[in-house]
């Protein structure tokens, strides 16, 4: 016959084992468990008007579907950008457009790099977030276990030079929520007849955006107020909530 002491010892051991099963194990050495999977296919569509001598860029769809992009999360790594047709005045420029398939399992951080260029000769801004076929205007957006703090930008060319004040990088922690809310803010100057686009905040907070990872799918873009000369254009600004899993 089993002794009472032995029964109590057995019961205590069973309870301890059950408690251990409920306690989470230690975090991974590289940080919290990576929840994201698949590819974030980041599409960049560059449009140009010869009459206005003006570039502008879209990364997500806006209320004006003529300038839509194919940015999405999928299990397929895309290699060709999907862009709207433009409006007849502004047309797609293939060598400045591009797509980068960012492997969401490659690290904890989605580092979104924004490179803004300016031509004083043409009074024109131009923004990139991914490389196109013209490597002079490349941007270093990537997924890694390192949170980038300095934007990686091509040197520019054809009278366009990089503007550090408007360029920037935001390291988005992919474990912080279910959605990457990618905000696109397009600004316009009527005096310069010039658009430019921001996707992440830069050193010039007047042109900030609300891009972030959260548990909420956002539907309204959050944009800075501009500087009085360049004002946000609601028709071309937008946000896309990209589900991570």
C-alpha atoms as a PDB file:
ATOM      1  CA  UNK A   1       0.000   0.000   0.000  1.00  0.00           C
ATOM      2  CA  UNK A   2       1.294   3.513  -0.931  1.00  0.00           C
ATOM      3  CA  UNK A   3       2.234   5.662   2.035  1.00  0.00           C
ATOM      4  CA  UNK A   4       0.452   9.018   2.541  1.00  0.00           C
ATOM      5  CA  UNK A   5       3.761  10.844   2.351  1.00  0.00           C
ATOM      6  CA  UNK A   6       4.500   9.319  -1.023  1.00  0.00           C
ATOM      7  CA  UNK A   7       1.050  10.360  -2.292  1.00  0.00           C
ATOM      8  CA  UNK A   8       1.613  13.934  -1.141  1.00  0.00           C
ATOM      9  CA  UNK A   9       5.035  13.993  -2.829  1.00  0.00           C
ATOM     10  CA  UNK A  10       3.535  12.677  -6.081  1.00  0.00           C
ATOM     11  CA  UNK A  11       0.730  15.295  -5.976  1.00  0.00           C
ATOM     12  CA  UNK A  12       3.185  18.158  -5.341  1.00  0.00           C
ATOM     13  CA  UNK A  13       5.337  17.048  -8.266  1.00  0.00           C
ATOM     14  CA  UNK A  14       2.289  16.891 -10.560  1.00  0.00           C
ATOM     15  CA  UNK A  15       1.166  20.419  -9.585  1.00  0.00           C
ATOM     16  CA  UNK A  16       4.683  21.783 -10.141  1.00  0.00           C
ATOM     17  CA  UNK A  17       4.815  20.216 -13.604  1.00  0.00           C
ATOM     18  CA  UNK A  18       1.429  21.749 -14.511  1.00  0.00           C
ATOM     19  CA  UNK A  19       2.577  25.199 -13.381  1.00  0.00           C
ATOM     20  CA  UNK A  20       5.748  24.910 -15.435  1.00  0.00           C
ATOM     21  CA  UNK A  21       3.665  24.116 -18.508  1.00  0.00           C
ATOM     22  CA  UNK A  22       1.791  27.420 -18.048  1.00  0.00           C
ATOM     23  CA  UNK A  23       4.876  29.604 -17.573  1.00  0.00           C
ATOM     24  CA  UNK A  24       6.297  30.974 -20.854  1.00  0.00           C
ATOM     25  CA  UNK A  25       9.770  29.847 -21.747  1.00  0.00           C
ATOM     26  CA  UNK A  26      12.659  32.272 -22.083  1.00  0.00           C
ATOM     27  CA  UNK A  27      12.631  34.770 -24.968  1.00  0.00           C
ATOM     28  CA  UNK A  28      14.624  33.978 -28.067  1.00  0.00           C
ATOM     29  CA  UNK A  29      18.172  35.290 -28.065  1.00  0.00           C
ATOM     30  CA  UNK A  30      17.286  37.635 -30.946  1.00  0.00           C
ATOM     31  CA  UNK A  31      14.247  39.094 -29.147  1.00  0.00           C
ATOM     32  CA  UNK A  32      10.538  38.197 -28.996  1.00  0.00           C
ATOM     33  CA  UNK A  33       9.120  35.538 -31.272  1.00  0.00           C
ATOM     34  CA  UNK A  34       8.816  36.675 -34.891  1.00  0.00           C
ATOM     35  CA  UNK A  35       5.116  36.653 -35.810  1.00  0.00           C
ATOM     36  CA  UNK A  36       5.342  37.919 -39.388  1.00  0.00           C
ATOM     37  CA  UNK A  37       5.616  35.674 -42.411  1.00  0.00           C
ATOM     38  CA  UNK A  38       5.730  35.981 -46.183  1.00  0.00           C
ATOM     39  CA  UNK A  39       6.895  39.009 -48.130  1.00  0.00           C
ATOM     40  CA  UNK A  40       6.043  42.658 -47.896  1.00  0.00           C
ATOM     41  CA  UNK A  41       6.124  43.613 -51.563  1.00  0.00           C
ATOM     42  CA  UNK A  42       6.862  47.325 -51.375  1.00  0.00           C
ATOM     43  CA  UNK A  43       5.872  48.953 -54.666  1.00  0.00           C
ATOM     44  CA  UNK A  44       7.138  52.396 -55.637  1.00  0.00           C
ATOM     45  CA  UNK A  45       5.478  54.198 -58.540  1.00  0.00           C
ATOM     46  CA  UNK A  46       7.166  57.334 -59.849  1.00  0.00           C
ATOM     47  CA  UNK A  47       5.152  59.725 -62.009  1.00  0.00           C
ATOM     48  CA  UNK A  48       6.397  62.693 -64.012  1.00  0.00           C
ATOM     49  CA  UNK A  49       4.829  65.632 -65.810  1.00  0.00           C
ATOM     50  CA  UNK A  50       6.861  67.163 -68.609  1.00  0.00           C
ATOM     51  CA  UNK A  51       4.682  70.278 -68.591  1.00  0.00           C
ATOM     52  CA  UNK A  52       5.178  70.839 -64.841  1.00  0.00           C
ATOM     53  CA  UNK A  53       8.732  69.379 -64.800  1.00  0.00           C
ATOM     54  CA  UNK A  54       7.671  67.556 -61.661  1.00  0.00           C
ATOM     55  CA  UNK A  55       8.119  64.057 -60.195  1.00  0.00           C
ATOM     56  CA  UNK A  56       6.050  62.530 -57.441  1.00  0.00           C
ATOM     57  CA  UNK A  57       5.958  59.066 -55.880  1.00  0.00           C
ATOM     58  CA  UNK A  58       3.238  56.792 -54.547  1.00  0.00           C
ATOM     59  CA  UNK A  59       3.732  53.740 -52.329  1.00  0.00           C
ATOM     60  CA  UNK A  60       0.147  52.903 -51.335  1.00  0.00           C
ATOM     61  CA  UNK A  61      -3.206  53.590 -53.013  1.00  0.00           C
ATOM     62  CA  UNK A  62      -4.962  56.863 -52.271  1.00  0.00           C
ATOM     63  CA  UNK A  63      -8.398  58.260 -53.059  1.00  0.00           C
ATOM     64  CA  UNK A  64      -7.144  59.000 -56.567  1.00  0.00           C
ATOM     65  CA  UNK A  65      -6.927  55.492 -58.045  1.00  0.00           C
ATOM     66  CA  UNK A  66      -5.087  56.729 -61.138  1.00  0.00           C
ATOM     67  CA  UNK A  67      -1.892  56.701 -59.050  1.00  0.00           C
ATOM     68  CA  UNK A  68      -2.429  53.367 -57.240  1.00  0.00           C
ATOM     69  CA  UNK A  69       0.340  50.912 -56.334  1.00  0.00           C
ATOM     70  CA  UNK A  70       0.438  47.165 -55.676  1.00  0.00           C
ATOM     71  CA  UNK A  71       2.047  47.227 -52.215  1.00  0.00           C
ATOM     72  CA  UNK A  72       0.898  44.154 -50.261  1.00  0.00           C
ATOM     73  CA  UNK A  73       1.895  41.190 -48.089  1.00  0.00           C
ATOM     74  CA  UNK A  74       1.865  37.814 -49.850  1.00  0.00           C
ATOM     75  CA  UNK A  75       3.660  34.469 -50.015  1.00  0.00           C
ATOM     76  CA  UNK A  76       5.175  35.434 -53.379  1.00  0.00           C
ATOM     77  CA  UNK A  77       8.196  37.694 -53.892  1.00  0.00           C
ATOM     78  CA  UNK A  78       7.194  40.115 -56.633  1.00  0.00           C
ATOM     79  CA  UNK A  79       9.677  41.497 -59.158  1.00  0.00           C
ATOM     80  CA  UNK A  80       7.656  43.964 -61.263  1.00  0.00           C
ATOM     81  CA  UNK A  81       5.952  47.060 -59.859  1.00  0.00           C
ATOM     82  CA  UNK A  82       2.206  47.476 -60.283  1.00  0.00           C
ATOM     83  CA  UNK A  83       1.289  51.111 -60.872  1.00  0.00           C
ATOM     84  CA  UNK A  84      -1.777  53.113 -61.842  1.00  0.00           C
ATOM     85  CA  UNK A  85      -1.939  54.591 -65.327  1.00  0.00           C
ATOM     86  CA  UNK A  86      -1.563  58.217 -64.260  1.00  0.00           C
ATOM     87  CA  UNK A  87      -3.862  61.016 -65.411  1.00  0.00           C
ATOM     88  CA  UNK A  88      -2.507  61.806 -68.876  1.00  0.00           C
ATOM     89  CA  UNK A  89      -0.423  64.710 -67.603  1.00  0.00           C
ATOM     90  CA  UNK A  90       1.529  62.666 -65.041  1.00  0.00           C
ATOM     91  CA  UNK A  91       2.718  59.325 -66.459  1.00  0.00           C
ATOM     92  CA  UNK A  92       4.645  56.408 -64.938  1.00  0.00           C
ATOM     93  CA  UNK A  93       8.435  56.490 -65.287  1.00  0.00           C
ATOM     94  CA  UNK A  94       9.520  52.802 -65.310  1.00  0.00           C
ATOM     95  CA  UNK A  95      13.226  53.389 -64.547  1.00  0.00           C
ATOM     96  CA  UNK A  96      12.336  55.313 -61.360  1.00  0.00           C
ATOM     97  CA  UNK A  97       9.595  52.894 -60.284  1.00  0.00           C
ATOM     98  CA  UNK A  98      10.369  49.577 -58.595  1.00  0.00           C
ATOM     99  CA  UNK A  99       9.354  46.873 -56.141  1.00  0.00           C
ATOM    100  CA  UNK A 100      11.312  45.252 -53.335  1.00  0.00           C
ATOM    101  CA  UNK A 101      10.170  41.953 -51.812  1.00  0.00           C
ATOM    102  CA  UNK A 102      11.041  42.261 -48.122  1.00  0.00           C
ATOM    103  CA  UNK A 103      11.215  38.841 -46.426  1.00  0.00           C
ATOM    104  CA  UNK A 104       9.315  39.342 -43.181  1.00  0.00           C
ATOM    105  CA  UNK A 105      10.992  36.311 -41.573  1.00  0.00           C
ATOM    106  CA  UNK A 106      14.489  37.796 -42.052  1.00  0.00           C
ATOM    107  CA  UNK A 107      14.541  39.774 -38.812  1.00  0.00           C
ATOM    108  CA  UNK A 108      12.687  41.673 -36.123  1.00  0.00           C
ATOM    109  CA  UNK A 109      12.693  45.109 -37.769  1.00  0.00           C
ATOM    110  CA  UNK A 110      11.204  46.449 -40.974  1.00  0.00           C
ATOM    111  CA  UNK A 111      13.579  49.320 -41.714  1.00  0.00           C
ATOM    112  CA  UNK A 112      11.798  51.737 -44.053  1.00  0.00           C
ATOM    113  CA  UNK A 113      14.249  54.128 -45.688  1.00  0.00           C
ATOM    114  CA  UNK A 114      13.034  57.334 -47.326  1.00  0.00           C
ATOM    115  CA  UNK A 115      15.362  59.270 -49.623  1.00  0.00           C
ATOM    116  CA  UNK A 116      14.253  62.706 -50.816  1.00  0.00           C
ATOM    117  CA  UNK A 117      16.131  64.467 -53.618  1.00  0.00           C
ATOM    118  CA  UNK A 118      15.821  68.030 -54.884  1.00  0.00           C
ATOM    119  CA  UNK A 119      16.768  69.854 -58.065  1.00  0.00           C
ATOM    120  CA  UNK A 120      17.208  73.580 -57.514  1.00  0.00           C
ATOM    121  CA  UNK A 121      17.397  74.064 -61.287  1.00  0.00           C
ATOM    122  CA  UNK A 122      13.915  72.544 -61.703  1.00  0.00           C
ATOM    123  CA  UNK A 123      12.485  73.401 -58.238  1.00  0.00           C
ATOM    124  CA  UNK A 124      11.489  69.734 -57.979  1.00  0.00           C
ATOM    125  CA  UNK A 125      11.549  67.095 -55.225  1.00  0.00           C
ATOM    126  CA  UNK A 126      11.736  63.352 -55.823  1.00  0.00           C
ATOM    127  CA  UNK A 127      11.270  60.566 -53.227  1.00  0.00           C
ATOM    128  CA  UNK A 128      12.391  56.913 -53.240  1.00  0.00           C
ATOM    129  CA  UNK A 129      11.816  54.106 -50.728  1.00  0.00           C
ATOM    130  CA  UNK A 130      13.138  51.173 -52.799  1.00  0.00           C
ATOM    131  CA  UNK A 131      15.658  50.896 -55.641  1.00  0.00           C
ATOM    132  CA  UNK A 132      14.493  51.259 -59.227  1.00  0.00           C
ATOM    133  CA  UNK A 133      16.624  50.483 -62.248  1.00  0.00           C
ATOM    134  CA  UNK A 134      18.307  53.888 -61.773  1.00  0.00           C
ATOM    135  CA  UNK A 135      20.628  53.052 -58.869  1.00  0.00           C
ATOM    136  CA  UNK A 136      21.535  56.715 -58.319  1.00  0.00           C
ATOM    137  CA  UNK A 137      18.237  57.073 -56.455  1.00  0.00           C
ATOM    138  CA  UNK A 138      18.287  53.819 -54.445  1.00  0.00           C
ATOM    139  CA  UNK A 139      16.969  53.517 -50.874  1.00  0.00           C
ATOM    140  CA  UNK A 140      18.035  50.904 -48.313  1.00  0.00           C
ATOM    141  CA  UNK A 141      14.665  49.576 -47.070  1.00  0.00           C
ATOM    142  CA  UNK A 142      15.169  46.083 -45.598  1.00  0.00           C
ATOM    143  CA  UNK A 143      14.191  43.600 -42.877  1.00  0.00           C
ATOM    144  CA  UNK A 144      16.877  42.719 -40.326  1.00  0.00           C
ATOM    145  CA  UNK A 145      17.531  42.129 -36.623  1.00  0.00           C
ATOM    146  CA  UNK A 146      19.115  45.592 -36.454  1.00  0.00           C
ATOM    147  CA  UNK A 147      17.093  48.782 -36.028  1.00  0.00           C
ATOM    148  CA  UNK A 148      18.545  51.200 -38.586  1.00  0.00           C
ATOM    149  CA  UNK A 149      18.928  54.822 -37.498  1.00  0.00           C
ATOM    150  CA  UNK A 150      20.503  56.451 -40.562  1.00  0.00           C
ATOM    151  CA  UNK A 151      18.885  56.431 -44.013  1.00  0.00           C
ATOM    152  CA  UNK A 152      20.856  54.738 -46.791  1.00  0.00           C
ATOM    153  CA  UNK A 153      20.405  56.704 -50.013  1.00  0.00           C
ATOM    154  CA  UNK A 154      21.925  56.765 -53.478  1.00  0.00           C
ATOM    155  CA  UNK A 155      23.949  59.858 -54.419  1.00  0.00           C
ATOM    156  CA  UNK A 156      21.372  61.264 -56.843  1.00  0.00           C
ATOM    157  CA  UNK A 157      22.151  62.649 -60.282  1.00  0.00           C
ATOM    158  CA  UNK A 158      20.884  64.702 -63.217  1.00  0.00           C
ATOM    159  CA  UNK A 159      20.840  67.884 -61.046  1.00  0.00           C
ATOM    160  CA  UNK A 160      19.025  66.074 -58.175  1.00  0.00           C
ATOM    161  CA  UNK A 161      20.899  65.894 -54.841  1.00  0.00           C
ATOM    162  CA  UNK A 162      19.903  64.147 -51.602  1.00  0.00           C
ATOM    163  CA  UNK A 163      18.239  66.307 -48.928  1.00  0.00           C
ATOM    164  CA  UNK A 164      19.105  64.911 -45.447  1.00  0.00           C
ATOM    165  CA  UNK A 165      16.516  67.132 -43.713  1.00  0.00           C
ATOM    166  CA  UNK A 166      13.656  65.382 -45.543  1.00  0.00           C
ATOM    167  CA  UNK A 167      15.187  61.903 -45.785  1.00  0.00           C
ATOM    168  CA  UNK A 168      14.755  59.450 -42.920  1.00  0.00           C
ATOM    169  CA  UNK A 169      14.434  55.859 -41.724  1.00  0.00           C
ATOM    170  CA  UNK A 170      11.975  54.244 -39.326  1.00  0.00           C
ATOM    171  CA  UNK A 171      12.645  50.855 -37.724  1.00  0.00           C
ATOM    172  CA  UNK A 172       9.277  49.140 -37.281  1.00  0.00           C
ATOM    173  CA  UNK A 173       9.239  46.334 -34.691  1.00  0.00           C
ATOM    174  CA  UNK A 174       7.384  43.497 -36.419  1.00  0.00           C
ATOM    175  CA  UNK A 175       6.501  41.919 -33.052  1.00  0.00           C
ATOM    176  CA  UNK A 176       4.649  45.049 -31.854  1.00  0.00           C
ATOM    177  CA  UNK A 177       1.300  44.317 -33.505  1.00  0.00           C
ATOM    178  CA  UNK A 178      -0.604  42.634 -36.300  1.00  0.00           C
ATOM    179  CA  UNK A 179      -0.518  45.444 -38.899  1.00  0.00           C
ATOM    180  CA  UNK A 180       2.067  47.578 -40.640  1.00  0.00           C
ATOM    181  CA  UNK A 181       0.136  50.803 -41.168  1.00  0.00           C
ATOM    182  CA  UNK A 182       1.970  52.380 -44.090  1.00  0.00           C
ATOM    183  CA  UNK A 183       1.113  56.082 -44.323  1.00  0.00           C
ATOM    184  CA  UNK A 184       1.778  58.094 -47.477  1.00  0.00           C
ATOM    185  CA  UNK A 185       1.677  61.887 -47.283  1.00  0.00           C
ATOM    186  CA  UNK A 186       1.848  63.883 -50.513  1.00  0.00           C
ATOM    187  CA  UNK A 187       2.466  67.623 -50.322  1.00  0.00           C
ATOM    188  CA  UNK A 188       2.099  70.253 -53.039  1.00  0.00           C
ATOM    189  CA  UNK A 189       3.327  73.803 -53.585  1.00  0.00           C
ATOM    190  CA  UNK A 190       1.166  75.906 -55.898  1.00  0.00           C
ATOM    191  CA  UNK A 191       3.917  78.494 -56.261  1.00  0.00           C
ATOM    192  CA  UNK A 192       6.553  75.921 -57.300  1.00  0.00           C
ATOM    193  CA  UNK A 193       4.035  73.569 -58.993  1.00  0.00           C
ATOM    194  CA  UNK A 194       5.806  70.764 -57.164  1.00  0.00           C
ATOM    195  CA  UNK A 195       4.700  67.616 -55.284  1.00  0.00           C
ATOM    196  CA  UNK A 196       6.727  65.559 -52.876  1.00  0.00           C
ATOM    197  CA  UNK A 197       6.018  62.463 -50.818  1.00  0.00           C
ATOM    198  CA  UNK A 198       6.895  61.287 -47.300  1.00  0.00           C
ATOM    199  CA  UNK A 199       6.363  57.793 -45.870  1.00  0.00           C
ATOM    200  CA  UNK A 200       8.310  58.029 -42.597  1.00  0.00           C
ATOM    201  CA  UNK A 201       9.173  60.961 -40.325  1.00  0.00           C
ATOM    202  CA  UNK A 202      12.380  62.875 -41.002  1.00  0.00           C
ATOM    203  CA  UNK A 203      14.310  65.596 -39.193  1.00  0.00           C
ATOM    204  CA  UNK A 204      11.770  68.100 -40.539  1.00  0.00           C
ATOM    205  CA  UNK A 205       8.713  67.238 -38.422  1.00  0.00           C
ATOM    206  CA  UNK A 206       6.429  69.450 -40.500  1.00  0.00           C
ATOM    207  CA  UNK A 207       6.223  66.620 -43.048  1.00  0.00           C
ATOM    208  CA  UNK A 208       5.857  63.698 -40.594  1.00  0.00           C
ATOM    209  CA  UNK A 209       3.738  60.608 -41.230  1.00  0.00           C
ATOM    210  CA  UNK A 210       2.031  58.104 -38.938  1.00  0.00           C
ATOM    211  CA  UNK A 211       3.649  54.920 -40.301  1.00  0.00           C
ATOM    212  CA  UNK A 212       3.797  52.312 -37.520  1.00  0.00           C
ATOM    213  CA  UNK A 213       3.133  48.718 -36.440  1.00  0.00           C
ATOM    214  CA  UNK A 214       0.074  48.268 -34.232  1.00  0.00           C
ATOM    215  CA  UNK A 215      -2.810  45.943 -33.435  1.00  0.00           C
ATOM    216  CA  UNK A 216      -5.242  48.280 -35.226  1.00  0.00           C
ATOM    217  CA  UNK A 217      -5.779  48.535 -38.978  1.00  0.00           C
ATOM    218  CA  UNK A 218      -5.755  52.262 -39.687  1.00  0.00           C
ATOM    219  CA  UNK A 219      -7.874  53.820 -42.429  1.00  0.00           C
ATOM    220  CA  UNK A 220      -7.037  57.543 -42.298  1.00  0.00           C
ATOM    221  CA  UNK A 221      -3.551  58.869 -43.128  1.00  0.00           C
ATOM    222  CA  UNK A 222      -1.762  60.897 -40.467  1.00  0.00           C
ATOM    223  CA  UNK A 223       0.320  63.671 -42.033  1.00  0.00           C
ATOM    224  CA  UNK A 224       2.236  66.692 -40.839  1.00  0.00           C
ATOM    225  CA  UNK A 225       0.784  70.159 -41.566  1.00  0.00           C
ATOM    226  CA  UNK A 226       3.449  71.136 -44.086  1.00  0.00           C
ATOM    227  CA  UNK A 227       5.330  74.439 -43.992  1.00  0.00           C
ATOM    228  CA  UNK A 228       2.796  76.884 -45.403  1.00  0.00           C
ATOM    229  CA  UNK A 229       4.254  76.660 -48.881  1.00  0.00           C
ATOM    230  CA  UNK A 230       3.918  72.885 -49.220  1.00  0.00           C
ATOM    231  CA  UNK A 231       0.538  71.674 -47.971  1.00  0.00           C
ATOM    232  CA  UNK A 232      -0.796  68.077 -47.651  1.00  0.00           C
ATOM    233  CA  UNK A 233      -2.978  66.881 -50.539  1.00  0.00           C
ATOM    234  CA  UNK A 234      -5.707  64.583 -49.193  1.00  0.00           C
ATOM    235  CA  UNK A 235      -6.577  63.183 -52.638  1.00  0.00           C
ATOM    236  CA  UNK A 236      -3.069  61.723 -53.118  1.00  0.00           C
ATOM    237  CA  UNK A 237      -2.269  60.831 -49.495  1.00  0.00           C
ATOM    238  CA  UNK A 238      -3.312  57.457 -48.093  1.00  0.00           C
ATOM    239  CA  UNK A 239      -2.708  54.607 -45.661  1.00  0.00           C
ATOM    240  CA  UNK A 240      -2.659  50.859 -46.165  1.00  0.00           C
ATOM    241  CA  UNK A 241      -2.905  48.390 -43.272  1.00  0.00           C
ATOM    242  CA  UNK A 242      -0.757  45.381 -44.162  1.00  0.00           C
ATOM    243  CA  UNK A 243      -1.585  42.278 -42.092  1.00  0.00           C
ATOM    244  CA  UNK A 244       1.481  40.448 -40.807  1.00  0.00           C
ATOM    245  CA  UNK A 245      -0.097  37.123 -39.949  1.00  0.00           C
END
